[in-house]
Amino acid sequence: MQSLAAAARRGGAELCEQVMVHSLRVKDSHILGVETSAGPVDAPLVILANGGWAAELTQALGIDLPMGPVLSQIAIFQRPGEFPA
């Protein structure tokens, strides 16, 4: 994710981490920005990159995304350095 964020910043994106988006700001069928936990943010382009939670934001626009969040469990095992591969 860090390399993706760095590439986005190089392309001119402004990333606001640890900020919750509550809703999309819409006027005359155009998305103007977002309402966040840190206040409103105007943006010429809004990208929904929140995975399964995107449907919550689009429902207010009458757009039904057939997806939702799924609980999963992941385990990562690393071989100790003293053990041969």
N, C-alpha and C. Protein backbone atom coordinates (compact mmCIF):
# COMPACT_ATOMS: atom_id res chain seq x y z
N MET A 1 0.82 -1.19 0.00
CA MET A 1 0.00 0.00 0.00
C MET A 1 0.87 1.26 0.00
N GLN A 2 2.03 1.20 0.63
CA GLN A 2 2.87 2.39 0.68
C GLN A 2 3.34 2.81 -0.71
N SER A 3 3.68 1.83 -1.55
CA SER A 3 4.13 2.18 -2.90
C SER A 3 2.97 2.74 -3.73
N LEU A 4 1.77 2.21 -3.54
CA LEU A 4 0.60 2.73 -4.23
C LEU A 4 0.32 4.16 -3.79
N ALA A 5 0.40 4.42 -2.50
CA ALA A 5 0.18 5.77 -1.98
C ALA A 5 1.24 6.73 -2.51
N ALA A 6 2.49 6.30 -2.55
CA ALA A 6 3.57 7.15 -3.06
C ALA A 6 3.34 7.48 -4.53
N ALA A 7 2.93 6.49 -5.32
CA ALA A 7 2.67 6.73 -6.75
C ALA A 7 1.50 7.70 -6.92
N ALA A 8 0.47 7.56 -6.11
CA ALA A 8 -0.68 8.46 -6.18
C ALA A 8 -0.27 9.88 -5.85
N ARG A 9 0.56 10.04 -4.84
CA ARG A 9 1.03 11.38 -4.47
C ARG A 9 1.88 11.99 -5.58
N ARG A 10 2.71 11.18 -6.20
CA ARG A 10 3.53 11.68 -7.32
C ARG A 10 2.63 12.14 -8.48
N GLY A 11 1.48 11.51 -8.61
CA GLY A 11 0.53 11.88 -9.66
C GLY A 11 -0.36 13.04 -9.28
N GLY A 12 -0.16 13.60 -8.09
CA GLY A 12 -0.93 14.77 -7.68
C GLY A 12 -2.07 14.49 -6.71
N ALA A 13 -2.24 13.23 -6.30
CA ALA A 13 -3.32 12.89 -5.37
C ALA A 13 -2.99 13.38 -3.97
N GLU A 14 -4.02 13.76 -3.25
CA GLU A 14 -3.89 14.09 -1.84
C GLU A 14 -4.59 12.99 -1.05
N LEU A 15 -3.86 12.28 -0.22
CA LEU A 15 -4.43 11.18 0.55
C LEU A 15 -4.67 11.63 1.98
N CYS A 16 -5.83 11.33 2.51
CA CYS A 16 -6.20 11.66 3.88
C CYS A 16 -6.39 10.35 4.62
N GLU A 17 -5.39 9.97 5.38
CA GLU A 17 -5.46 8.69 6.09
C GLU A 17 -6.15 8.85 7.45
N GLN A 18 -6.75 7.76 7.91
CA GLN A 18 -7.46 7.72 9.19
C GLN A 18 -8.62 8.71 9.23
N VAL A 19 -9.26 8.95 8.08
CA VAL A 19 -10.42 9.83 7.99
C VAL A 19 -11.57 9.01 7.42
N MET A 20 -12.71 9.04 8.08
CA MET A 20 -13.87 8.28 7.62
C MET A 20 -14.71 9.12 6.66
N VAL A 21 -15.09 8.53 5.53
CA VAL A 21 -16.00 9.18 4.59
C VAL A 21 -17.42 8.79 4.98
N HIS A 22 -18.25 9.80 5.24
CA HIS A 22 -19.64 9.55 5.64
C HIS A 22 -20.59 9.51 4.45
N SER A 23 -20.34 10.37 3.46
CA SER A 23 -21.23 10.43 2.30
C SER A 23 -20.54 11.13 1.14
N LEU A 24 -21.15 10.94 -0.04
CA LEU A 24 -20.69 11.64 -1.23
C LEU A 24 -21.46 12.95 -1.33
N ARG A 25 -20.80 14.03 -1.71
CA ARG A 25 -21.45 15.32 -1.89
C ARG A 25 -21.87 15.44 -3.35
N VAL A 26 -23.17 15.56 -3.58
CA VAL A 26 -23.73 15.51 -4.93
C VAL A 26 -24.57 16.75 -5.20
N LYS A 27 -24.47 17.26 -6.44
CA LYS A 27 -25.33 18.36 -6.89
C LYS A 27 -25.59 18.14 -8.37
N ASP A 28 -26.87 18.14 -8.75
CA ASP A 28 -27.27 17.96 -10.15
C ASP A 28 -26.62 16.72 -10.78
N SER A 29 -26.67 15.62 -10.07
CA SER A 29 -26.14 14.33 -10.54
C SER A 29 -24.63 14.30 -10.72
N HIS A 30 -23.91 15.26 -10.14
CA HIS A 30 -22.45 15.27 -10.21
C HIS A 30 -21.87 15.16 -8.81
N ILE A 31 -20.87 14.33 -8.64
CA ILE A 31 -20.20 14.20 -7.35
C ILE A 31 -19.21 15.35 -7.22
N LEU A 32 -19.38 16.14 -6.18
CA LEU A 32 -18.53 17.31 -5.94
C LEU A 32 -17.40 17.03 -4.96
N GLY A 33 -17.55 15.99 -4.17
CA GLY A 33 -16.57 15.68 -3.14
C GLY A 33 -17.16 14.71 -2.14
N VAL A 34 -16.65 14.77 -0.92
CA VAL A 34 -17.11 13.86 0.12
C VAL A 34 -17.27 14.60 1.45
N GLU A 35 -18.16 14.06 2.29
CA GLU A 35 -18.29 14.50 3.67
C GLU A 35 -17.49 13.52 4.52
N THR A 36 -16.56 14.03 5.30
CA THR A 36 -15.69 13.15 6.08
C THR A 36 -15.76 13.49 7.57
N SER A 37 -15.12 12.66 8.36
CA SER A 37 -15.04 12.91 9.79
C SER A 37 -14.20 14.15 10.09
N ALA A 38 -13.43 14.62 9.11
CA ALA A 38 -12.62 15.83 9.26
C ALA A 38 -13.27 17.03 8.58
N GLY A 39 -14.50 16.84 8.06
CA GLY A 39 -15.21 17.93 7.39
C GLY A 39 -15.35 17.66 5.90
N PRO A 40 -15.98 18.59 5.18
CA PRO A 40 -16.20 18.39 3.75
C PRO A 40 -14.90 18.54 2.95
N VAL A 41 -14.80 17.76 1.88
CA VAL A 41 -13.64 17.82 0.98
C VAL A 41 -14.18 17.92 -0.44
N ASP A 42 -13.86 19.02 -1.13
CA ASP A 42 -14.22 19.16 -2.53
C ASP A 42 -13.16 18.48 -3.37
N ALA A 43 -13.58 17.82 -4.45
CA ALA A 43 -12.63 17.12 -5.30
C ALA A 43 -13.18 17.03 -6.72
N PRO A 44 -12.35 17.29 -7.73
CA PRO A 44 -12.81 17.15 -9.11
C PRO A 44 -13.00 15.70 -9.52
N LEU A 45 -12.38 14.79 -8.76
CA LEU A 45 -12.48 13.36 -9.05
C LEU A 45 -12.51 12.61 -7.72
N VAL A 46 -13.47 11.73 -7.56
CA VAL A 46 -13.59 10.91 -6.35
C VAL A 46 -13.50 9.46 -6.77
N ILE A 47 -12.59 8.72 -6.15
CA ILE A 47 -12.41 7.30 -6.43
C ILE A 47 -12.85 6.51 -5.21
N LEU A 48 -13.80 5.60 -5.41
CA LEU A 48 -14.22 4.73 -4.32
C LEU A 48 -13.26 3.55 -4.27
N ALA A 49 -12.43 3.53 -3.24
CA ALA A 49 -11.44 2.46 -3.09
C ALA A 49 -11.62 1.79 -1.73
N ASN A 50 -12.86 1.73 -1.27
CA ASN A 50 -13.12 1.17 0.05
C ASN A 50 -13.73 -0.22 -0.01
N GLY A 51 -13.52 -0.90 -1.13
CA GLY A 51 -13.91 -2.29 -1.26
C GLY A 51 -15.37 -2.55 -0.98
N GLY A 52 -15.63 -3.52 -0.13
CA GLY A 52 -16.99 -3.94 0.16
C GLY A 52 -17.87 -2.90 0.81
N TRP A 53 -17.27 -1.83 1.30
CA TRP A 53 -18.03 -0.78 1.96
C TRP A 53 -18.50 0.29 0.98
N ALA A 54 -18.14 0.19 -0.29
CA ALA A 54 -18.53 1.18 -1.29
C ALA A 54 -20.04 1.23 -1.48
N ALA A 55 -20.71 0.10 -1.33
CA ALA A 55 -22.16 0.05 -1.54
C ALA A 55 -22.90 0.99 -0.59
N GLU A 56 -22.40 1.18 0.61
CA GLU A 56 -23.05 2.09 1.56
C GLU A 56 -23.07 3.52 1.02
N LEU A 57 -22.01 3.93 0.35
CA LEU A 57 -21.94 5.28 -0.17
C LEU A 57 -22.78 5.46 -1.43
N THR A 58 -22.85 4.44 -2.26
CA THR A 58 -23.56 4.58 -3.54
C THR A 58 -25.07 4.41 -3.41
N GLN A 59 -25.54 3.79 -2.34
CA GLN A 59 -26.98 3.59 -2.16
C GLN A 59 -27.74 4.92 -2.13
N ALA A 60 -27.14 5.94 -1.54
CA ALA A 60 -27.80 7.25 -1.47
C ALA A 60 -27.96 7.86 -2.86
N LEU A 61 -27.19 7.40 -3.83
CA LEU A 61 -27.28 7.89 -5.20
C LEU A 61 -28.21 7.03 -6.05
N GLY A 62 -28.77 5.99 -5.45
CA GLY A 62 -29.62 5.07 -6.20
C GLY A 62 -28.84 4.05 -6.99
N ILE A 63 -27.57 3.89 -6.66
CA ILE A 63 -26.72 2.91 -7.34
C ILE A 63 -26.56 1.71 -6.42
N ASP A 64 -27.00 0.55 -6.88
CA ASP A 64 -26.92 -0.66 -6.08
C ASP A 64 -25.70 -1.48 -6.52
N LEU A 65 -24.68 -1.50 -5.68
CA LEU A 65 -23.51 -2.32 -5.96
C LEU A 65 -23.72 -3.68 -5.31
N PRO A 66 -23.68 -4.76 -6.07
CA PRO A 66 -23.94 -6.09 -5.51
C PRO A 66 -22.70 -6.65 -4.79
N MET A 67 -22.31 -5.96 -3.73
CA MET A 67 -21.14 -6.40 -2.97
C MET A 67 -21.26 -5.89 -1.55
N GLY A 68 -20.46 -6.47 -0.67
CA GLY A 68 -20.45 -6.04 0.71
C GLY A 68 -19.22 -6.57 1.41
N PRO A 69 -18.95 -6.08 2.61
CA PRO A 69 -17.77 -6.53 3.35
C PRO A 69 -17.93 -7.98 3.79
N VAL A 70 -16.81 -8.69 3.85
CA VAL A 70 -16.79 -10.09 4.27
C VAL A 70 -15.72 -10.25 5.33
N LEU A 71 -16.06 -10.89 6.41
CA LEU A 71 -15.10 -11.17 7.46
C LEU A 71 -14.25 -12.36 7.05
N SER A 72 -12.96 -12.20 7.15
CA SER A 72 -12.06 -13.31 6.83
C SER A 72 -10.91 -13.32 7.83
N GLN A 73 -10.26 -14.44 7.91
CA GLN A 73 -9.12 -14.57 8.80
C GLN A 73 -7.90 -14.96 7.97
N ILE A 74 -6.79 -14.35 8.29
CA ILE A 74 -5.55 -14.61 7.55
C ILE A 74 -4.46 -14.92 8.57
N ALA A 75 -3.68 -15.93 8.28
CA ALA A 75 -2.52 -16.26 9.12
C ALA A 75 -1.28 -16.19 8.24
N ILE A 76 -0.25 -15.53 8.74
CA ILE A 76 1.02 -15.43 8.01
C ILE A 76 2.08 -16.11 8.86
N PHE A 77 2.74 -17.08 8.24
CA PHE A 77 3.81 -17.81 8.93
C PHE A 77 5.14 -17.45 8.25
N GLN A 78 6.13 -17.16 9.06
CA GLN A 78 7.46 -16.89 8.52
C GLN A 78 8.43 -17.92 9.10
N ARG A 79 9.28 -18.41 8.20
CA ARG A 79 10.27 -19.38 8.61
C ARG A 79 11.41 -18.66 9.33
N PRO A 80 11.77 -19.12 10.53
CA PRO A 80 12.91 -18.51 11.22
C PRO A 80 14.16 -18.62 10.36
N GLY A 81 15.01 -17.60 10.44
CA GLY A 81 16.21 -17.55 9.61
C GLY A 81 17.17 -18.71 9.78
N GLU A 82 17.18 -19.35 10.94
CA GLU A 82 18.12 -20.47 11.16
C GLU A 82 17.68 -21.78 10.52
N PHE A 83 16.44 -21.85 10.02
CA PHE A 83 15.96 -23.05 9.37
C PHE A 83 16.18 -22.95 7.86
N PRO A 84 16.71 -24.04 7.24
CA PRO A 84 16.94 -23.98 5.79
C PRO A 84 15.60 -23.99 5.02
N ALA A 85 15.62 -23.41 3.86
CA ALA A 85 14.42 -23.33 3.03
C ALA A 85 14.13 -24.66 2.38
